Structures are given as C-alpha cells and as structure tokens.
Amino acid sequence: MEKVHVWIALHQDEKKERLNSEAEIRKMREELLHQAKQNERLA
C-alpha cells in the first residue's frame, strides 16, 4: 500500500512540473512574439 502512495505522489509532482514548464514556455513564447513585433516596428 505504501508503494502506491509514493507512486501517486511522484506522478502528481511530475504533473505539476509539466504544467509549470508549459506555462514558462508559453510565457517565453509570448515575450519572443512581443519582441519580434517591436523589432518589426523598428525595422
């Protein structure tokens, strides 16, 4: 029974980490798009 709890906890952590990294990637992509738009205006 103990192993199951550990397994579930690990998978919940993985899910949280994946969500966090996806959010970071989305934020970085939005910043890059924003910078690209500013560069187009300057060019």
Protein backbone atom coordinates (compact mmCIF):
# COMPACT_ATOMS: atom_id res chain seq x y z
CA MET A 1 0.00 0.00 0.00
CA GLU A 2 2.87 2.35 0.85
CA LYS A 3 4.39 1.98 -2.64
CA VAL A 4 1.14 3.08 -4.25
CA HIS A 5 1.10 6.31 -2.23
CA VAL A 6 4.70 7.07 -3.20
CA TRP A 7 3.93 6.34 -6.87
CA ILE A 8 0.88 8.64 -6.81
CA ALA A 9 2.85 11.42 -5.11
CA LEU A 10 5.63 11.15 -7.69
CA HIS A 11 3.18 11.33 -10.56
CA GLN A 12 1.41 14.34 -9.07
CA ASP A 13 4.79 16.10 -8.79
CA GLU A 14 5.57 15.23 -12.42
CA LYS A 15 2.22 16.63 -13.50
CA LYS A 16 2.83 19.88 -11.57
CA GLU A 17 6.33 20.22 -13.04
CA ARG A 18 4.99 19.64 -16.55
CA LEU A 19 2.30 22.30 -16.06
CA ASN A 20 4.89 24.73 -14.69
CA SER A 21 7.27 24.16 -17.59
CA GLU A 22 4.42 24.51 -20.12
CA ALA A 23 3.44 27.81 -18.51
CA GLU A 24 7.06 29.01 -18.63
CA ILE A 25 7.37 28.00 -22.29
CA ARG A 26 4.12 29.83 -23.11
CA LYS A 27 5.35 32.95 -21.29
CA MET A 28 8.71 32.84 -23.10
CA ARG A 29 6.96 32.39 -26.46
CA GLU A 30 4.70 35.38 -25.78
CA GLU A 31 7.73 37.50 -24.84
CA LEU A 32 9.54 36.45 -28.02
CA LEU A 33 6.47 37.30 -30.13
CA HIS A 34 6.25 40.67 -28.38
CA GLN A 35 9.94 41.37 -29.09
CA ALA A 36 9.51 40.32 -32.73
CA LYS A 37 6.62 42.76 -33.15
CA GLN A 38 8.71 45.57 -31.63
CA ASN A 39 11.61 44.72 -33.97
CA GLU A 40 9.27 44.83 -36.98
CA ARG A 41 8.13 48.29 -35.95
CA LEU A 42 11.74 49.49 -35.64
CA ALA A 43 12.86 47.94 -38.95
